[in-house]
């Protein structure tokens, strides 16, 4: 089963973390939360969910994980201001490991310059940014590129996102 690095900080979109994380865990995968420092608690933007952080970004390496999960909300925008998270995400893309990004999650991949020539989707407000980054943007509930990159637009797309993410994870 896959060991999934999950980059997350305050103001994540609650259900875009909780629903996929539960689906991944129910399928037997391990979900490890990563933020600037281990042991802290981050809160979702809806104020419903609190997540305890397992690891600090300074103590992890992409080589220790099988996949990367990037929930949406304001979390990815904050994380991309820290070069360590940008490099971490780029390592997964360069190594062709599964990257699962929903809603605003692709913002981290935009900053990592990892979307050029890739089919992807994301929340409508970042569609143009994704195009500028060289992505072949598709307005679809889920887009899978090269059986590696799984992206979705919004909370309504979570069932399709979970289904395709689990399918890609099974193949790794």
C-alpha atoms as a PDB file:
ATOM      1  CA  UNK A   1       0.000   0.000   0.000  1.00  0.00           C
ATOM      2  CA  UNK A   2       1.102   3.553  -0.651  1.00  0.00           C
ATOM      3  CA  UNK A   3       2.635   5.958   1.823  1.00  0.00           C
ATOM      4  CA  UNK A   4       1.058   9.310   0.900  1.00  0.00           C
ATOM      5  CA  UNK A   5       2.711  12.625   1.774  1.00  0.00           C
ATOM      6  CA  UNK A   6       0.005  15.230   2.401  1.00  0.00           C
ATOM      7  CA  UNK A   7       1.089  18.871   2.379  1.00  0.00           C
ATOM      8  CA  UNK A   8      -1.366  20.956   4.357  1.00  0.00           C
ATOM      9  CA  UNK A   9      -1.605  24.103   6.471  1.00  0.00           C
ATOM     10  CA  UNK A  10      -4.269  26.341   7.969  1.00  0.00           C
ATOM     11  CA  UNK A  11      -7.263  27.295   5.837  1.00  0.00           C
ATOM     12  CA  UNK A  12      -7.352  24.035   3.867  1.00  0.00           C
ATOM     13  CA  UNK A  13     -10.783  23.184   2.432  1.00  0.00           C
ATOM     14  CA  UNK A  14     -12.081  20.836   5.130  1.00  0.00           C
ATOM     15  CA  UNK A  15     -13.824  18.191   2.993  1.00  0.00           C
ATOM     16  CA  UNK A  16     -11.091  18.256   0.329  1.00  0.00           C
ATOM     17  CA  UNK A  17      -8.769  16.824   2.962  1.00  0.00           C
ATOM     18  CA  UNK A  18     -11.055  14.688   5.122  1.00  0.00           C
ATOM     19  CA  UNK A  19     -12.963  12.841   2.404  1.00  0.00           C
ATOM     20  CA  UNK A  20      -9.985  11.783   0.234  1.00  0.00           C
ATOM     21  CA  UNK A  21      -7.820  11.033   3.308  1.00  0.00           C
ATOM     22  CA  UNK A  22     -10.535   8.715   4.649  1.00  0.00           C
ATOM     23  CA  UNK A  23     -10.902   7.022   1.241  1.00  0.00           C
ATOM     24  CA  UNK A  24      -7.132   6.504   1.033  1.00  0.00           C
ATOM     25  CA  UNK A  25      -6.940   5.114   4.582  1.00  0.00           C
ATOM     26  CA  UNK A  26      -9.988   2.888   4.060  1.00  0.00           C
ATOM     27  CA  UNK A  27      -8.183   1.394   1.046  1.00  0.00           C
ATOM     28  CA  UNK A  28      -5.162   0.608   3.245  1.00  0.00           C
ATOM     29  CA  UNK A  29      -2.912   3.539   2.324  1.00  0.00           C
ATOM     30  CA  UNK A  30      -0.999   5.544   4.923  1.00  0.00           C
ATOM     31  CA  UNK A  31      -1.620   9.316   4.978  1.00  0.00           C
ATOM     32  CA  UNK A  32       1.185  11.408   6.518  1.00  0.00           C
ATOM     33  CA  UNK A  33       0.503  15.122   7.095  1.00  0.00           C
ATOM     34  CA  UNK A  34       3.354  17.576   6.472  1.00  0.00           C
ATOM     35  CA  UNK A  35       3.561  21.262   7.371  1.00  0.00           C
ATOM     36  CA  UNK A  36       6.350  23.594   8.478  1.00  0.00           C
ATOM     37  CA  UNK A  37       6.647  21.865  11.837  1.00  0.00           C
ATOM     38  CA  UNK A  38       5.557  18.532  13.281  1.00  0.00           C
ATOM     39  CA  UNK A  39       3.187  18.345  16.231  1.00  0.00           C
ATOM     40  CA  UNK A  40       1.160  21.451  15.506  1.00  0.00           C
ATOM     41  CA  UNK A  41      -2.533  21.464  14.643  1.00  0.00           C
ATOM     42  CA  UNK A  42      -3.912  23.167  11.534  1.00  0.00           C
ATOM     43  CA  UNK A  43      -7.514  24.197  11.035  1.00  0.00           C
ATOM     44  CA  UNK A  44      -9.748  24.028   7.979  1.00  0.00           C
ATOM     45  CA  UNK A  45     -11.258  27.184   6.537  1.00  0.00           C
ATOM     46  CA  UNK A  46     -14.765  26.048   7.431  1.00  0.00           C
ATOM     47  CA  UNK A  47     -13.650  25.734  11.060  1.00  0.00           C
ATOM     48  CA  UNK A  48     -14.976  22.173  11.250  1.00  0.00           C
ATOM     49  CA  UNK A  49     -11.770  20.157  10.931  1.00  0.00           C
ATOM     50  CA  UNK A  50      -8.486  20.213  12.809  1.00  0.00           C
ATOM     51  CA  UNK A  51      -5.548  18.148  11.594  1.00  0.00           C
ATOM     52  CA  UNK A  52      -2.517  17.160  13.624  1.00  0.00           C
ATOM     53  CA  UNK A  53       0.735  17.445  11.687  1.00  0.00           C
ATOM     54  CA  UNK A  54       2.911  14.329  11.582  1.00  0.00           C
ATOM     55  CA  UNK A  55       6.108  15.719  10.026  1.00  0.00           C
ATOM     56  CA  UNK A  56       7.850  19.021   9.393  1.00  0.00           C
ATOM     57  CA  UNK A  57       8.916  19.768   5.809  1.00  0.00           C
ATOM     58  CA  UNK A  58      12.549  19.915   6.929  1.00  0.00           C
ATOM     59  CA  UNK A  59      12.502  16.278   8.038  1.00  0.00           C
ATOM     60  CA  UNK A  60      10.993  14.655   4.933  1.00  0.00           C
ATOM     61  CA  UNK A  61      12.172  13.631   1.497  1.00  0.00           C
ATOM     62  CA  UNK A  62      10.043  12.777  -1.532  1.00  0.00           C
ATOM     63  CA  UNK A  63      11.995   9.521  -1.809  1.00  0.00           C
ATOM     64  CA  UNK A  64      10.366   8.358   1.455  1.00  0.00           C
ATOM     65  CA  UNK A  65       6.857   8.493  -0.051  1.00  0.00           C
ATOM     66  CA  UNK A  66       4.936   6.816  -2.844  1.00  0.00           C
ATOM     67  CA  UNK A  67       2.531   9.678  -3.638  1.00  0.00           C
ATOM     68  CA  UNK A  68       1.721  13.321  -2.898  1.00  0.00           C
ATOM     69  CA  UNK A  69      -1.736  14.630  -1.926  1.00  0.00           C
ATOM     70  CA  UNK A  70      -2.467  18.382  -2.090  1.00  0.00           C
ATOM     71  CA  UNK A  71      -5.882  19.377  -0.700  1.00  0.00           C
ATOM     72  CA  UNK A  72      -7.331  22.726  -1.764  1.00  0.00           C
ATOM     73  CA  UNK A  73      -8.540  25.833   0.027  1.00  0.00           C
ATOM     74  CA  UNK A  74      -6.043  28.566   0.882  1.00  0.00           C
ATOM     75  CA  UNK A  75      -3.480  26.020   2.082  1.00  0.00           C
ATOM     76  CA  UNK A  76      -1.659  25.464  -1.262  1.00  0.00           C
ATOM     77  CA  UNK A  77      -1.314  29.202  -1.855  1.00  0.00           C
ATOM     78  CA  UNK A  78       0.350  29.618   1.541  1.00  0.00           C
ATOM     79  CA  UNK A  79       2.588  26.587   1.095  1.00  0.00           C
ATOM     80  CA  UNK A  80       3.894  27.728  -2.288  1.00  0.00           C
ATOM     81  CA  UNK A  81       5.459  30.761  -0.621  1.00  0.00           C
ATOM     82  CA  UNK A  82       7.934  28.330   0.997  1.00  0.00           C
ATOM     83  CA  UNK A  83      10.477  26.976  -1.494  1.00  0.00           C
ATOM     84  CA  UNK A  84      10.796  23.723   0.483  1.00  0.00           C
ATOM     85  CA  UNK A  85       7.196  22.762  -0.368  1.00  0.00           C
ATOM     86  CA  UNK A  86       7.660  23.810  -3.993  1.00  0.00           C
ATOM     87  CA  UNK A  87      10.770  21.626  -4.339  1.00  0.00           C
ATOM     88  CA  UNK A  88       9.047  18.748  -2.533  1.00  0.00           C
ATOM     89  CA  UNK A  89       6.124  18.832  -4.994  1.00  0.00           C
ATOM     90  CA  UNK A  90       8.442  19.120  -8.002  1.00  0.00           C
ATOM     91  CA  UNK A  91      10.371  16.029  -6.883  1.00  0.00           C
ATOM     92  CA  UNK A  92       7.176  13.932  -7.050  1.00  0.00           C
ATOM     93  CA  UNK A  93       6.333  15.242 -10.512  1.00  0.00           C
ATOM     94  CA  UNK A  94       9.877  14.713 -11.810  1.00  0.00           C
ATOM     95  CA  UNK A  95       9.979  11.170 -10.360  1.00  0.00           C
ATOM     96  CA  UNK A  96       6.615  10.380 -12.023  1.00  0.00           C
ATOM     97  CA  UNK A  97       5.116   9.453  -8.644  1.00  0.00           C
ATOM     98  CA  UNK A  98       1.347   9.942  -8.215  1.00  0.00           C
ATOM     99  CA  UNK A  99       0.342  13.531  -7.422  1.00  0.00           C
ATOM    100  CA  UNK A 100      -3.259  14.040  -6.332  1.00  0.00           C
ATOM    101  CA  UNK A 101      -4.341  17.708  -6.303  1.00  0.00           C
ATOM    102  CA  UNK A 102      -7.839  19.088  -5.871  1.00  0.00           C
ATOM    103  CA  UNK A 103      -9.309  22.582  -6.284  1.00  0.00           C
ATOM    104  CA  UNK A 104      -6.503  25.084  -5.517  1.00  0.00           C
ATOM    105  CA  UNK A 105      -3.982  22.252  -5.006  1.00  0.00           C
ATOM    106  CA  UNK A 106      -2.429  22.780  -8.466  1.00  0.00           C
ATOM    107  CA  UNK A 107      -1.175  26.206  -7.304  1.00  0.00           C
ATOM    108  CA  UNK A 108       1.764  24.416  -5.709  1.00  0.00           C
ATOM    109  CA  UNK A 109       2.457  22.675  -9.044  1.00  0.00           C
ATOM    110  CA  UNK A 110       2.215  25.988 -10.932  1.00  0.00           C
ATOM    111  CA  UNK A 111       4.917  27.468  -8.703  1.00  0.00           C
ATOM    112  CA  UNK A 112       6.991  24.295  -9.117  1.00  0.00           C
ATOM    113  CA  UNK A 113       6.792  24.756 -12.907  1.00  0.00           C
ATOM    114  CA  UNK A 114       5.582  21.169 -13.130  1.00  0.00           C
ATOM    115  CA  UNK A 115       2.452  21.501 -15.294  1.00  0.00           C
ATOM    116  CA  UNK A 116       3.899  22.290 -18.712  1.00  0.00           C
ATOM    117  CA  UNK A 117       2.404  19.964 -21.311  1.00  0.00           C
ATOM    118  CA  UNK A 118       0.283  18.171 -18.712  1.00  0.00           C
ATOM    119  CA  UNK A 119      -3.483  17.675 -18.870  1.00  0.00           C
ATOM    120  CA  UNK A 120      -4.992  19.030 -15.643  1.00  0.00           C
ATOM    121  CA  UNK A 121      -7.902  20.814 -14.034  1.00  0.00           C
ATOM    122  CA  UNK A 122      -8.418  22.957 -10.969  1.00  0.00           C
ATOM    123  CA  UNK A 123     -10.733  25.514  -9.447  1.00  0.00           C
ATOM    124  CA  UNK A 124     -12.056  27.996 -12.029  1.00  0.00           C
ATOM    125  CA  UNK A 125     -10.214  30.964 -10.480  1.00  0.00           C
ATOM    126  CA  UNK A 126      -6.820  29.328 -11.173  1.00  0.00           C
ATOM    127  CA  UNK A 127      -7.657  28.020 -14.671  1.00  0.00           C
ATOM    128  CA  UNK A 128      -5.878  30.885 -16.422  1.00  0.00           C
ATOM    129  CA  UNK A 129      -2.850  30.547 -14.115  1.00  0.00           C
ATOM    130  CA  UNK A 130      -2.672  26.861 -15.019  1.00  0.00           C
ATOM    131  CA  UNK A 131      -2.805  27.727 -18.728  1.00  0.00           C
ATOM    132  CA  UNK A 132      -0.026  30.312 -18.275  1.00  0.00           C
ATOM    133  CA  UNK A 133       1.990  27.538 -16.577  1.00  0.00           C
ATOM    134  CA  UNK A 134       1.656  25.457 -19.743  1.00  0.00           C
ATOM    135  CA  UNK A 135      -1.051  23.050 -18.599  1.00  0.00           C
ATOM    136  CA  UNK A 136      -3.599  21.727 -21.069  1.00  0.00           C
ATOM    137  CA  UNK A 137      -6.535  22.802 -18.890  1.00  0.00           C
ATOM    138  CA  UNK A 138      -9.745  20.763 -19.034  1.00  0.00           C
ATOM    139  CA  UNK A 139     -12.935  21.835 -17.285  1.00  0.00           C
ATOM    140  CA  UNK A 140     -13.823  18.300 -16.119  1.00  0.00           C
ATOM    141  CA  UNK A 141     -14.648  16.764 -12.733  1.00  0.00           C
ATOM    142  CA  UNK A 142     -11.433  14.765 -12.830  1.00  0.00           C
ATOM    143  CA  UNK A 143      -8.453  14.716 -15.178  1.00  0.00           C
ATOM    144  CA  UNK A 144      -5.799  11.999 -15.120  1.00  0.00           C
ATOM    145  CA  UNK A 145      -2.548  12.674 -16.943  1.00  0.00           C
ATOM    146  CA  UNK A 146      -0.104   9.870 -17.744  1.00  0.00           C
ATOM    147  CA  UNK A 147      -1.536   7.749 -14.899  1.00  0.00           C
ATOM    148  CA  UNK A 148       0.394  10.002 -12.519  1.00  0.00           C
ATOM    149  CA  UNK A 149      -1.301  13.375 -12.054  1.00  0.00           C
ATOM    150  CA  UNK A 150      -4.902  13.368 -10.789  1.00  0.00           C
ATOM    151  CA  UNK A 151      -6.658  16.736 -10.544  1.00  0.00           C
ATOM    152  CA  UNK A 152     -10.205  17.882  -9.782  1.00  0.00           C
ATOM    153  CA  UNK A 153     -11.962  21.245  -9.639  1.00  0.00           C
ATOM    154  CA  UNK A 154     -14.008  21.482  -6.432  1.00  0.00           C
ATOM    155  CA  UNK A 155     -15.722  19.633  -3.559  1.00  0.00           C
ATOM    156  CA  UNK A 156     -18.516  18.353  -5.840  1.00  0.00           C
ATOM    157  CA  UNK A 157     -15.854  16.421  -7.774  1.00  0.00           C
ATOM    158  CA  UNK A 158     -14.558  14.500  -4.737  1.00  0.00           C
ATOM    159  CA  UNK A 159     -16.220  11.156  -5.629  1.00  0.00           C
ATOM    160  CA  UNK A 160     -14.533  11.164  -9.071  1.00  0.00           C
ATOM    161  CA  UNK A 161     -11.259  12.454  -7.563  1.00  0.00           C
ATOM    162  CA  UNK A 162     -11.232   9.662  -4.971  1.00  0.00           C
ATOM    163  CA  UNK A 163     -12.091   6.990  -7.546  1.00  0.00           C
ATOM    164  CA  UNK A 164      -9.324   7.978  -9.967  1.00  0.00           C
ATOM    165  CA  UNK A 165      -6.769   8.656  -7.198  1.00  0.00           C
ATOM    166  CA  UNK A 166      -7.341   5.168  -5.777  1.00  0.00           C
ATOM    167  CA  UNK A 167      -7.062   3.644  -9.256  1.00  0.00           C
ATOM    168  CA  UNK A 168      -3.715   5.387  -9.859  1.00  0.00           C
ATOM    169  CA  UNK A 169      -2.471   4.417  -6.397  1.00  0.00           C
ATOM    170  CA  UNK A 170      -3.337   0.762  -7.052  1.00  0.00           C
ATOM    171  CA  UNK A 171      -1.041   0.773 -10.087  1.00  0.00           C
ATOM    172  CA  UNK A 172       1.986   1.980  -8.127  1.00  0.00           C
END
